[in-house]
PDB file of N, CA and C in Angstrom:
ATOM      1  N   UNK A   1       0.824  -1.191   0.000  1.00  0.00           N
ATOM      2  CA  UNK A   1       0.000   0.000   0.000  1.00  0.00           C
ATOM      3  C   UNK A   1       0.872   1.260   0.000  1.00  0.00           C
ATOM      4  N   UNK A   2       1.890   1.258   0.824  1.00  0.00           N
ATOM      5  CA  UNK A   2       2.767   2.420   0.926  1.00  0.00           C
ATOM      6  C   UNK A   2       3.559   2.620  -0.370  1.00  0.00           C
ATOM      7  N   UNK A   3       3.965   1.514  -1.005  1.00  0.00           N
ATOM      8  CA  UNK A   3       4.726   1.612  -2.251  1.00  0.00           C
ATOM      9  C   UNK A   3       3.864   2.215  -3.364  1.00  0.00           C
ATOM     10  N   UNK A   4       2.598   1.833  -3.423  1.00  0.00           N
ATOM     11  CA  UNK A   4       1.705   2.391  -4.439  1.00  0.00           C
ATOM     12  C   UNK A   4       1.540   3.896  -4.234  1.00  0.00           C
ATOM     13  N   UNK A   5       1.427   4.315  -2.997  1.00  0.00           N
ATOM     14  CA  UNK A   5       1.291   5.736  -2.684  1.00  0.00           C
ATOM     15  C   UNK A   5       2.542   6.504  -3.108  1.00  0.00           C
ATOM     16  N   UNK A   6       3.703   5.931  -2.840  1.00  0.00           N
ATOM     17  CA  UNK A   6       4.961   6.576  -3.196  1.00  0.00           C
ATOM     18  C   UNK A   6       5.105   6.697  -4.711  1.00  0.00           C
ATOM     19  N   UNK A   7       4.759   5.646  -5.435  1.00  0.00           N
ATOM     20  CA  UNK A   7       4.821   5.683  -6.897  1.00  0.00           C
ATOM     21  C   UNK A   7       3.858   6.743  -7.436  1.00  0.00           C
ATOM     22  N   UNK A   8       2.673   6.834  -6.868  1.00  0.00           N
ATOM     23  CA  UNK A   8       1.693   7.825  -7.319  1.00  0.00           C
ATOM     24  C   UNK A   8       2.194   9.247  -7.084  1.00  0.00           C
ATOM     25  N   UNK A   9       2.822   9.489  -5.946  1.00  0.00           N
ATOM     26  CA  UNK A   9       3.338  10.824  -5.639  1.00  0.00           C
ATOM     27  C   UNK A   9       4.485  11.184  -6.577  1.00  0.00           C
ATOM     28  N   UNK A  10       5.386  10.242  -6.820  1.00  0.00           N
ATOM     29  CA  UNK A  10       6.513  10.502  -7.720  1.00  0.00           C
ATOM     30  C   UNK A  10       6.017  10.750  -9.142  1.00  0.00           C
ATOM     31  N   UNK A  11       5.061   9.971  -9.590  1.00  0.00           N
ATOM     32  CA  UNK A  11       4.501  10.147 -10.931  1.00  0.00           C
ATOM     33  C   UNK A  11       3.800  11.501 -11.066  1.00  0.00           C
ATOM     34  N   UNK A  12       3.048  11.884 -10.051  1.00  0.00           N
ATOM     35  CA  UNK A  12       2.363  13.181 -10.089  1.00  0.00           C
ATOM     36  C   UNK A  12       3.364  14.334 -10.115  1.00  0.00           C
ATOM     37  N   UNK A  13       4.440  14.209  -9.358  1.00  0.00           N
ATOM     38  CA  UNK A  13       5.461  15.266  -9.346  1.00  0.00           C
ATOM     39  C   UNK A  13       6.171  15.356 -10.692  1.00  0.00           C
ATOM     40  N   UNK A  14       6.435  14.208 -11.301  1.00  0.00           N
ATOM     41  CA  UNK A  14       7.124  14.206 -12.594  1.00  0.00           C
ATOM     42  C   UNK A  14       6.239  14.793 -13.687  1.00  0.00           C
ATOM     43  N   UNK A  15       4.976  14.444 -13.697  1.00  0.00           N
ATOM     44  CA  UNK A  15       4.070  14.943 -14.728  1.00  0.00           C
ATOM     45  C   UNK A  15       3.664  16.389 -14.487  1.00  0.00           C
ATOM     46  N   UNK A  16       3.754  16.841 -13.270  1.00  0.00           N
ATOM     47  CA  UNK A  16       3.400  18.222 -12.958  1.00  0.00           C
ATOM     48  C   UNK A  16       4.362  19.224 -13.557  1.00  0.00           C
ATOM     49  N   UNK A  17       5.583  18.815 -13.841  1.00  0.00           N
ATOM     50  CA  UNK A  17       6.574  19.718 -14.407  1.00  0.00           C
ATOM     51  C   UNK A  17       6.572  19.754 -15.920  1.00  0.00           C
ATOM     52  N   UNK A  18       5.739  18.956 -16.560  1.00  0.00           N
ATOM     53  CA  UNK A  18       5.706  18.902 -18.023  1.00  0.00           C
ATOM     54  C   UNK A  18       4.895  20.068 -18.585  1.00  0.00           C
ATOM     55  N   UNK A  19       5.421  20.683 -19.626  1.00  0.00           N
ATOM     56  CA  UNK A  19       4.732  21.777 -20.308  1.00  0.00           C
ATOM     57  C   UNK A  19       4.769  21.475 -21.801  1.00  0.00           C
ATOM     58  N   UNK A  20       3.609  21.538 -22.435  1.00  0.00           N
ATOM     59  CA  UNK A  20       3.563  21.294 -23.872  1.00  0.00           C
ATOM     60  C   UNK A  20       4.125  22.504 -24.613  1.00  0.00           C
ATOM     61  N   UNK A  21       4.574  22.308 -25.856  1.00  0.00           N
ATOM     62  CA  UNK A  21       5.070  23.454 -26.629  1.00  0.00           C
ATOM     63  C   UNK A  21       4.021  24.558 -26.806  1.00  0.00           C
ATOM     64  N   UNK A  22       2.754  24.173 -26.926  1.00  0.00           N
ATOM     65  CA  UNK A  22       1.697  25.180 -27.077  1.00  0.00           C
ATOM     66  C   UNK A  22       1.556  26.009 -25.802  1.00  0.00           C
ATOM     67  N   UNK A  23       1.634  25.353 -24.649  1.00  0.00           N
ATOM     68  CA  UNK A  23       1.563  26.079 -23.381  1.00  0.00           C
ATOM     69  C   UNK A  23       2.770  26.993 -23.209  1.00  0.00           C
ATOM     70  N   UNK A  24       3.943  26.518 -23.613  1.00  0.00           N
ATOM     71  CA  UNK A  24       5.155  27.333 -23.507  1.00  0.00           C
ATOM     72  C   UNK A  24       5.057  28.548 -24.422  1.00  0.00           C
ATOM     73  N   UNK A  25       4.552  28.342 -25.629  1.00  0.00           N
ATOM     74  CA  UNK A  25       4.387  29.453 -26.578  1.00  0.00           C
ATOM     75  C   UNK A  25       3.402  30.485 -26.031  1.00  0.00           C
ATOM     76  N   UNK A  26       2.299  30.005 -25.446  1.00  0.00           N
ATOM     77  CA  UNK A  26       1.312  30.926 -24.879  1.00  0.00           C
ATOM     78  C   UNK A  26       1.914  31.726 -23.725  1.00  0.00           C
ATOM     79  N   UNK A  27       2.725  31.075 -22.907  1.00  0.00           N
ATOM     80  CA  UNK A  27       3.378  31.781 -21.803  1.00  0.00           C
ATOM     81  C   UNK A  27       4.366  32.814 -22.330  1.00  0.00           C
ATOM     82  N   UNK A  28       5.107  32.456 -23.376  1.00  0.00           N
ATOM     83  CA  UNK A  28       6.061  33.390 -23.975  1.00  0.00           C
ATOM     84  C   UNK A  28       5.333  34.595 -24.575  1.00  0.00           C
ATOM     85  N   UNK A  29       4.221  34.329 -25.271  1.00  0.00           N
ATOM     86  CA  UNK A  29       3.456  35.429 -25.856  1.00  0.00           C
ATOM     87  C   UNK A  29       2.893  36.336 -24.771  1.00  0.00           C
ATOM     88  N   UNK A  30       2.415  35.749 -23.695  1.00  0.00           N
ATOM     89  CA  UNK A  30       1.910  36.553 -22.584  1.00  0.00           C
ATOM     90  C   UNK A  30       3.000  37.402 -21.957  1.00  0.00           C
ATOM     91  N   UNK A  31       4.178  36.837 -21.864  1.00  0.00           N
ATOM     92  CA  UNK A  31       5.310  37.583 -21.301  1.00  0.00           C
ATOM     93  C   UNK A  31       5.659  38.774 -22.185  1.00  0.00           C
ATOM     94  N   UNK A  32       5.702  38.559 -23.500  1.00  0.00           N
ATOM     95  CA  UNK A  32       6.036  39.653 -24.415  1.00  0.00           C
ATOM     96  C   UNK A  32       4.922  40.701 -24.461  1.00  0.00           C
ATOM     97  N   UNK A  33       3.655  40.263 -24.377  1.00  0.00           N
ATOM     98  CA  UNK A  33       2.554  41.229 -24.327  1.00  0.00           C
ATOM     99  C   UNK A  33       2.616  42.053 -23.046  1.00  0.00           C
ATOM    100  N   UNK A  34       3.055  41.430 -21.949  1.00  0.00           N
ATOM    101  CA  UNK A  34       3.150  42.182 -20.692  1.00  0.00           C
ATOM    102  C   UNK A  34       4.242  43.245 -20.756  1.00  0.00           C
ATOM    103  N   UNK A  35       5.196  43.074 -21.663  1.00  0.00           N
ATOM    104  CA  UNK A  35       6.230  44.089 -21.860  1.00  0.00           C
ATOM    105  C   UNK A  35       5.726  45.242 -22.725  1.00  0.00           C
ATOM    106  N   UNK A  36       4.545  45.086 -23.324  1.00  0.00           N
ATOM    107  CA  UNK A  36       3.960  46.160 -24.122  1.00  0.00           C
ATOM    108  C   UNK A  36       4.072  45.965 -25.624  1.00  0.00           C
ATOM    109  N   UNK A  37       4.558  44.824 -26.079  1.00  0.00           N
ATOM    110  CA  UNK A  37       4.674  44.579 -27.518  1.00  0.00           C
ATOM    111  C   UNK A  37       3.331  44.111 -28.073  1.00  0.00           C
ATOM    112  N   UNK A  38       3.013  44.549 -29.299  1.00  0.00           N
ATOM    113  CA  UNK A  38       1.780  44.132 -29.956  1.00  0.00           C
ATOM    114  C   UNK A  38       2.033  42.876 -30.765  1.00  0.00           C
ATOM    115  N   UNK A  39       1.102  41.933 -30.671  1.00  0.00           N
ATOM    116  CA  UNK A  39       1.250  40.672 -31.382  1.00  0.00           C
ATOM    117  C   UNK A  39       1.232  40.918 -32.887  1.00  0.00           C
ATOM    118  N   UNK A  40       2.180  40.270 -33.596  1.00  0.00           N
ATOM    119  CA  UNK A  40       2.281  40.402 -35.037  1.00  0.00           C
ATOM    120  C   UNK A  40       3.302  41.429 -35.480  1.00  0.00           C
ATOM    121  N   UNK A  41       3.872  42.168 -34.539  1.00  0.00           N
ATOM    122  CA  UNK A  41       4.869  43.179 -34.910  1.00  0.00           C
ATOM    123  C   UNK A  41       6.274  42.584 -34.844  1.00  0.00           C
ATOM    124  N   UNK A  42       7.210  43.263 -35.487  1.00  0.00           N
ATOM    125  CA  UNK A  42       8.601  42.796 -35.461  1.00  0.00           C
ATOM    126  C   UNK A  42       9.193  42.807 -34.048  1.00  0.00           C
ATOM    127  N   UNK A  43       8.947  43.845 -33.241  1.00  0.00           N
ATOM    128  CA  UNK A  43       9.479  43.798 -31.869  1.00  0.00           C
ATOM    129  C   UNK A  43       8.909  42.629 -31.052  1.00  0.00           C
ATOM    130  N   UNK A  44       7.650  42.274 -31.321  1.00  0.00           N
ATOM    131  CA  UNK A  44       7.049  41.126 -30.636  1.00  0.00           C
ATOM    132  C   UNK A  44       7.773  39.838 -31.026  1.00  0.00           C
ATOM    133  N   UNK A  45       8.073  39.688 -32.317  1.00  0.00           N
ATOM    134  CA  UNK A  45       8.807  38.507 -32.785  1.00  0.00           C
ATOM    135  C   UNK A  45      10.212  38.479 -32.197  1.00  0.00           C
ATOM    136  N   UNK A  46      10.854  39.647 -32.111  1.00  0.00           N
ATOM    137  CA  UNK A  46      12.184  39.709 -31.498  1.00  0.00           C
ATOM    138  C   UNK A  46      12.130  39.347 -30.021  1.00  0.00           C
ATOM    139  N   UNK A  47      11.067  39.765 -29.344  1.00  0.00           N
ATOM    140  CA  UNK A  47      10.902  39.413 -27.933  1.00  0.00           C
ATOM    141  C   UNK A  47      10.750  37.903 -27.773  1.00  0.00           C
ATOM    142  N   UNK A  48       9.924  37.278 -28.626  1.00  0.00           N
ATOM    143  CA  UNK A  48       9.759  35.821 -28.566  1.00  0.00           C
ATOM    144  C   UNK A  48      11.091  35.113 -28.806  1.00  0.00           C
ATOM    145  N   UNK A  49      11.861  35.628 -29.752  1.00  0.00           N
ATOM    146  CA  UNK A  49      13.156  35.023 -30.044  1.00  0.00           C
ATOM    147  C   UNK A  49      14.105  35.183 -28.853  1.00  0.00           C
ATOM    148  N   UNK A  50      14.099  36.347 -28.225  1.00  0.00           N
ATOM    149  CA  UNK A  50      14.969  36.580 -27.072  1.00  0.00           C
ATOM    150  C   UNK A  50      14.584  35.685 -25.900  1.00  0.00           C
ATOM    151  N   UNK A  51      13.287  35.490 -25.687  1.00  0.00           N
ATOM    152  CA  UNK A  51      12.827  34.613 -24.606  1.00  0.00           C
ATOM    153  C   UNK A  51      13.271  33.181 -24.873  1.00  0.00           C
ATOM    154  N   UNK A  52      13.156  32.733 -26.124  1.00  0.00           N
ATOM    155  CA  UNK A  52      13.569  31.375 -26.479  1.00  0.00           C
ATOM    156  C   UNK A  52      15.077  31.201 -26.325  1.00  0.00           C
ATOM    157  N   UNK A  53      15.854  32.189 -26.759  1.00  0.00           N
ATOM    158  CA  UNK A  53      17.309  32.107 -26.612  1.00  0.00           C
ATOM    159  C   UNK A  53      17.719  32.107 -25.147  1.00  0.00           C
ATOM    160  N   UNK A  54      17.010  32.877 -24.328  1.00  0.00           N
ATOM    161  CA  UNK A  54      17.299  32.905 -22.895  1.00  0.00           C
ATOM    162  C   UNK A  54      17.016  31.546 -22.261  1.00  0.00           C
ATOM    163  N   UNK A  55      15.918  30.914 -22.676  1.00  0.00           N
ATOM    164  CA  UNK A  55      15.587  29.587 -22.151  1.00  0.00           C
ATOM    165  C   UNK A  55      16.643  28.559 -22.566  1.00  0.00           C
ATOM    166  N   UNK A  56      17.102  28.644 -23.813  1.00  0.00           N
ATOM    167  CA  UNK A  56      18.138  27.721 -24.288  1.00  0.00           C
ATOM    168  C   UNK A  56      19.446  27.922 -23.537  1.00  0.00           C
ATOM    169  N   UNK A  57      19.809  29.173 -23.288  1.00  0.00           N
ATOM    170  CA  UNK A  57      21.044  29.454 -22.554  1.00  0.00           C
ATOM    171  C   UNK A  57      20.949  28.962 -21.117  1.00  0.00           C
ATOM    172  N   UNK A  58      19.787  29.119 -20.502  1.00  0.00           N
ATOM    173  CA  UNK A  58      19.604  28.632 -19.132  1.00  0.00           C
ATOM    174  C   UNK A  58      19.708  27.113 -19.075  1.00  0.00           C
ATOM    175  N   UNK A  59      19.108  26.446 -20.048  1.00  0.00           N
ATOM    176  CA  UNK A  59      19.178  24.989 -20.086  1.00  0.00           C
ATOM    177  C   UNK A  59      20.614  24.522 -20.303  1.00  0.00           C
ATOM    178  N   UNK A  60      21.333  25.195 -21.184  1.00  0.00           N
ATOM    179  CA  UNK A  60      22.726  24.844 -21.438  1.00  0.00           C
ATOM    180  C   UNK A  60      23.571  25.044 -20.181  1.00  0.00           C
ATOM    181  N   UNK A  61      23.346  26.126 -19.464  1.00  0.00           N
ATOM    182  CA  UNK A  61      24.099  26.388 -18.233  1.00  0.00           C
ATOM    183  C   UNK A  61      23.790  25.346 -17.170  1.00  0.00           C
ATOM    184  N   UNK A  62      22.513  24.940 -17.062  1.00  0.00           N
ATOM    185  CA  UNK A  62      22.153  23.897 -16.094  1.00  0.00           C
ATOM    186  C   UNK A  62      22.840  22.583 -16.424  1.00  0.00           C
ATOM    187  N   UNK A  63      22.865  22.230 -17.711  1.00  0.00           N
ATOM    188  CA  UNK A  63      23.488  20.969 -18.109  1.00  0.00           C
ATOM    189  C   UNK A  63      24.993  20.993 -17.882  1.00  0.00           C
ATOM    190  N   UNK A  64      25.630  22.142 -18.130  1.00  0.00           N
ATOM    191  CA  UNK A  64      27.074  22.227 -17.947  1.00  0.00           C
ATOM    192  C   UNK A  64      27.468  22.215 -16.479  1.00  0.00           C
ATOM    193  N   UNK A  65      26.595  22.688 -15.614  1.00  0.00           N
ATOM    194  CA  UNK A  65      26.939  22.721 -14.197  1.00  0.00           C
ATOM    195  C   UNK A  65      26.459  21.476 -13.453  1.00  0.00           C
ATOM    196  N   UNK A  66      25.761  20.590 -14.151  1.00  0.00           N
ATOM    197  CA  UNK A  66      25.287  19.378 -13.492  1.00  0.00           C
ATOM    198  C   UNK A  66      26.440  18.397 -13.293  1.00  0.00           C
ATOM    199  N   UNK A  67      26.170  17.329 -12.612  1.00  0.00           N
ATOM    200  CA  UNK A  67      27.192  16.333 -12.285  1.00  0.00           C
ATOM    201  C   UNK A  67      27.825  15.748 -13.538  1.00  0.00           C
ATOM    202  N   UNK A  68      27.045  15.543 -14.579  1.00  0.00           N
ATOM    203  CA  UNK A  68      27.545  14.896 -15.785  1.00  0.00           C
ATOM    204  C   UNK A  68      28.029  15.887 -16.837  1.00  0.00           C
ATOM    205  N   UNK A  69      27.967  17.155 -16.561  1.00  0.00           N
ATOM    206  CA  UNK A  69      28.336  18.159 -17.543  1.00  0.00           C
ATOM    207  C   UNK A  69      29.833  18.361 -17.654  1.00  0.00           C
ATOM    208  N   UNK A  70      30.261  19.154 -18.621  1.00  0.00           N
ATOM    209  CA  UNK A  70      31.684  19.412 -18.840  1.00  0.00           C
ATOM    210  C   UNK A  70      32.374  20.060 -17.651  1.00  0.00           C
ATOM    211  N   UNK A  71      31.651  20.830 -16.841  1.00  0.00           N
ATOM    212  CA  UNK A  71      32.273  21.475 -15.696  1.00  0.00           C
ATOM    213  C   UNK A  71      32.844  20.488 -14.697  1.00  0.00           C
ATOM    214  N   UNK A  72      32.235  19.321 -14.583  1.00  0.00           N
ATOM    215  CA  UNK A  72      32.688  18.317 -13.622  1.00  0.00           C
ATOM    216  C   UNK A  72      33.992  17.677 -14.071  1.00  0.00           C
ATOM    217  N   UNK A  73      34.164  17.519 -15.366  1.00  0.00           N
ATOM    218  CA  UNK A  73      35.327  16.809 -15.875  1.00  0.00           C
ATOM    219  C   UNK A  73      36.489  17.732 -16.239  1.00  0.00           C
ATOM    220  N   UNK A  74      36.371  18.991 -15.938  1.00  0.00           N
ATOM    221  CA  UNK A  74      37.425  19.940 -16.281  1.00  0.00           C
ATOM    222  C   UNK A  74      38.628  19.799 -15.370  1.00  0.00           C
ATOM    223  N   UNK A  75      39.639  20.661 -15.572  1.00  0.00           N
ATOM    224  CA  UNK A  75      40.827  20.598 -14.726  1.00  0.00           C
ATOM    225  C   UNK A  75      40.457  20.908 -13.282  1.00  0.00           C
ATOM    226  N   UNK A  76      41.068  20.223 -12.405  1.00  0.00           N
ATOM    227  CA  UNK A  76      40.754  20.412 -10.998  1.00  0.00           C
ATOM    228  C   UNK A  76      41.888  19.927 -10.124  1.00  0.00           C
ATOM    229  N   UNK A  77      41.578  19.601  -8.899  1.00  0.00           N
ATOM    230  CA  UNK A  77      42.558  19.165  -7.929  1.00  0.00           C
ATOM    231  C   UNK A  77      42.926  17.707  -8.196  1.00  0.00           C
ATOM    232  N   UNK A  78      44.230  17.410  -8.166  1.00  0.00           N
ATOM    233  CA  UNK A  78      44.696  16.044  -8.369  1.00  0.00           C
ATOM    234  C   UNK A  78      45.406  15.592  -7.099  1.00  0.00           C
ATOM    235  N   UNK A  79      45.161  14.379  -6.632  1.00  0.00           N
ATOM    236  CA  UNK A  79      45.782  13.913  -5.393  1.00  0.00           C
ATOM    237  C   UNK A  79      47.232  13.457  -5.588  1.00  0.00           C
ATOM    238  N   UNK A  80      47.767  13.598  -6.763  1.00  0.00           N
ATOM    239  CA  UNK A  80      49.132  13.159  -7.029  1.00  0.00           C
ATOM    240  C   UNK A  80      49.854  14.257  -7.804  1.00  0.00           C
ATOM    241  N   UNK A  81      51.151  14.183  -7.808  1.00  0.00           N
ATOM    242  CA  UNK A  81      51.931  15.184  -8.538  1.00  0.00           C
ATOM    243  C   UNK A  81      51.983  14.821 -10.006  1.00  0.00           C
ATOM    244  N   UNK A  82      51.852  15.804 -10.810  1.00  0.00           N
ATOM    245  CA  UNK A  82      51.954  15.576 -12.248  1.00  0.00           C
ATOM    246  C   UNK A  82      53.323  16.045 -12.698  1.00  0.00           C
ATOM    247  N   UNK A  83      54.045  15.198 -13.377  1.00  0.00           N
ATOM    248  CA  UNK A  83      55.400  15.553 -13.821  1.00  0.00           C
ATOM    249  C   UNK A  83      55.399  15.934 -15.250  1.00  0.00           C
TER     250      UNK A  83
END
């Protein structure tokens, strides 16, 4: 009984973080409209592009700083002398 409850909670938490591309686009459009841009204009399109690039840069930074990212395998402290 307890295992089923735990699986249900983990599944609900995992699915709660999912966002469809349509929902993400709507959120991005709302964000750009809140900045005062009119939908269909060039500044609005530039705002959408900037929001998307910012999201990509944030994702890239998260991946690089994670345990498996390049930051972990870079030069660091060595317990032995290198000749």
